[in-house]
Amino acid sequence: MTPSTLDEIEAKAKAATLGPWRACGDERGGCLCHMIWSKDADVVIAVSLSSKDEAFTGGSGVQDEAMVRANALHMAMMDPPTTLALVARVRELEEAMTEYASMTSGECWSDAGRLARRVMGYEAALAVSGGGGEGKEQP
């Protein structure tokens, strides 16, 4: 994903109706109209249509009602706050990768040494506490 794509996603999320969003049925007694609502403003954001909604689709499109519901739930989950958080996380990870890639091999080995010392410290702490047997989760 390019930086310009992330910029475009971020701009569109900032311009969209504020979240959180929810799919109809989540809080409306199991309604299956497949509308996506702004949770706070109670405004319809979108509708996930099936081929049965011929007035809108001309009979083409998704035929499986479970898929229509899954589409509505996905759209509701990807509200602007969620999208912006994901964009921020991608940028954070890309920055960390760039920083790591610019390290010299000596710096990389230094980081590996720090990690090894940390692991050995965990192992020592587990040995003292009597934990750390086979199949046990370790920090």
Protein backbone atom coordinates (compact mmCIF):
# COMPACT_ATOMS: atom_id res chain seq x y z
CA MET A 1 0.00 0.00 0.00
CA THR A 2 1.50 3.31 -1.03
CA PRO A 3 1.65 6.45 1.14
CA SER A 4 -0.70 8.20 -1.30
CA THR A 5 -3.24 5.37 -0.92
CA LEU A 6 -3.05 5.73 2.87
CA ASP A 7 -3.53 9.50 2.48
CA GLU A 8 -6.60 8.90 0.30
CA ILE A 9 -8.09 6.39 2.76
CA GLU A 10 -7.44 8.79 5.65
CA ALA A 11 -9.02 11.74 3.82
CA LYS A 12 -12.13 9.74 2.93
CA ALA A 13 -12.50 8.46 6.50
CA LYS A 14 -12.22 12.01 7.87
CA ALA A 15 -14.87 13.24 5.42
CA ALA A 16 -17.34 10.42 6.24
CA THR A 17 -20.10 10.47 8.84
CA LEU A 18 -18.57 10.07 12.28
CA GLY A 19 -18.64 6.67 13.93
CA PRO A 20 -19.18 4.45 15.61
CA TRP A 21 -21.43 2.71 13.09
CA ARG A 22 -23.57 -0.35 13.58
CA ALA A 23 -25.44 -2.75 11.33
CA CYS A 24 -29.18 -2.94 11.81
CA GLY A 25 -30.03 -5.99 13.84
CA ASP A 26 -27.20 -5.47 16.29
CA GLU A 27 -29.39 -3.34 18.56
CA ARG A 28 -32.77 -3.39 16.90
CA GLY A 29 -34.18 -6.74 17.94
CA GLY A 30 -32.65 -8.76 15.13
CA CYS A 31 -33.90 -6.60 12.24
CA LEU A 32 -32.44 -7.87 8.96
CA CYS A 33 -32.84 -4.80 6.73
CA HIS A 34 -29.03 -4.64 6.33
CA MET A 35 -28.83 -0.89 6.97
CA ILE A 36 -25.68 0.61 8.44
CA TRP A 37 -26.39 3.35 10.98
CA SER A 38 -24.40 6.04 12.75
CA LYS A 39 -24.67 4.81 16.32
CA ASP A 40 -24.77 8.27 17.92
CA ALA A 41 -26.74 10.28 15.35
CA ASP A 42 -29.12 7.44 14.36
CA VAL A 43 -28.61 8.29 10.69
CA VAL A 44 -28.55 5.69 7.89
CA ILE A 45 -25.04 5.52 6.39
CA ALA A 46 -25.51 2.76 3.80
CA VAL A 47 -27.52 -0.32 2.93
CA SER A 48 -26.14 -3.71 1.90
CA LEU A 49 -28.42 -4.87 -0.94
CA SER A 50 -29.12 -8.30 -2.35
CA SER A 51 -30.29 -9.28 -5.82
CA LYS A 52 -33.80 -9.45 -4.32
CA ASP A 53 -33.78 -5.65 -4.02
CA GLU A 54 -34.56 -5.36 -7.74
CA ALA A 55 -35.67 -1.74 -7.59
CA PHE A 56 -32.07 -0.82 -6.74
CA THR A 57 -30.01 -3.64 -8.24
CA GLY A 58 -31.94 -4.70 -11.34
CA GLY A 59 -31.78 -8.23 -9.96
CA SER A 60 -28.00 -8.49 -10.06
CA GLY A 61 -25.69 -8.73 -7.09
CA VAL A 62 -25.27 -10.87 -4.01
CA GLN A 63 -27.93 -13.56 -3.70
CA ASP A 64 -26.97 -15.17 -0.39
CA GLU A 65 -28.68 -13.36 2.51
CA ALA A 66 -25.90 -14.43 4.90
CA MET A 67 -23.38 -12.69 2.63
CA VAL A 68 -25.53 -9.54 2.50
CA ARG A 69 -25.55 -9.57 6.32
CA ALA A 70 -21.78 -10.19 6.43
CA ASN A 71 -21.27 -7.22 4.08
CA ALA A 72 -23.36 -4.97 6.33
CA LEU A 73 -21.45 -6.06 9.43
CA HIS A 74 -18.12 -5.47 7.66
CA MET A 75 -19.13 -1.97 6.52
CA ALA A 76 -20.31 -1.09 10.02
CA MET A 77 -17.06 -2.37 11.55
CA MET A 78 -14.95 -0.19 9.23
CA ASP A 79 -16.30 3.11 10.52
CA PRO A 80 -14.07 6.23 10.34
CA PRO A 81 -12.47 5.84 13.80
CA THR A 82 -11.52 2.23 13.03
CA THR A 83 -10.19 3.12 9.60
CA LEU A 84 -8.15 6.03 10.97
CA ALA A 85 -6.69 3.80 13.70
CA LEU A 86 -5.65 1.21 11.10
CA VAL A 87 -4.04 3.86 8.88
CA ALA A 88 -2.13 5.21 11.90
CA ARG A 89 -0.96 1.68 12.82
CA VAL A 90 0.23 0.96 9.26
CA ARG A 91 2.21 4.22 9.25
CA GLU A 92 3.70 3.43 12.67
CA LEU A 93 4.82 -0.03 11.52
CA GLU A 94 6.22 1.30 8.24
CA GLU A 95 8.22 3.89 10.17
CA ALA A 96 9.60 1.19 12.48
CA MET A 97 10.53 -0.98 9.46
CA THR A 98 12.30 1.97 7.82
CA GLU A 99 14.20 2.69 11.02
CA TYR A 100 15.21 -0.96 11.40
CA ALA A 101 16.24 -1.21 7.73
CA SER A 102 18.56 1.77 8.17
CA MET A 103 20.43 0.15 11.07
CA THR A 104 23.90 -1.19 10.51
CA SER A 105 24.48 -4.89 11.06
CA GLY A 106 26.26 -4.00 14.33
CA GLU A 107 23.17 -2.15 15.56
CA CYS A 108 20.99 -5.13 14.58
CA TRP A 109 23.24 -7.50 16.54
CA SER A 110 23.11 -5.12 19.48
CA ASP A 111 19.29 -5.27 19.41
CA ALA A 112 19.45 -9.06 19.14
CA GLY A 113 21.74 -9.14 22.20
CA ARG A 114 19.31 -6.99 24.18
CA LEU A 115 16.46 -9.32 23.21
CA ALA A 116 18.49 -12.41 24.20
CA ARG A 117 19.30 -10.88 27.61
CA ARG A 118 15.60 -10.13 28.11
CA VAL A 119 14.64 -13.72 27.27
CA MET A 120 17.30 -15.06 29.63
CA GLY A 121 15.91 -12.79 32.35
CA TYR A 122 12.42 -14.21 31.79
CA GLU A 123 13.80 -17.75 31.92
CA ALA A 124 15.64 -17.00 35.17
CA ALA A 125 12.52 -15.48 36.72
CA LEU A 126 10.48 -18.51 35.68
CA ALA A 127 13.07 -20.90 37.13
CA VAL A 128 13.00 -19.06 40.47
CA SER A 129 9.18 -19.07 40.53
CA GLY A 130 9.02 -22.74 39.57
CA GLY A 131 7.20 -21.99 36.30
CA GLY A 132 8.17 -22.41 32.70
CA GLY A 133 7.50 -26.11 32.17
CA GLU A 134 6.69 -27.62 28.79
CA GLY A 135 3.50 -26.28 27.21
CA LYS A 136 3.23 -23.33 29.58
CA GLU A 137 2.83 -19.88 28.10
CA GLN A 138 5.78 -17.58 28.69
CA PRO A 139 5.85 -13.76 28.53
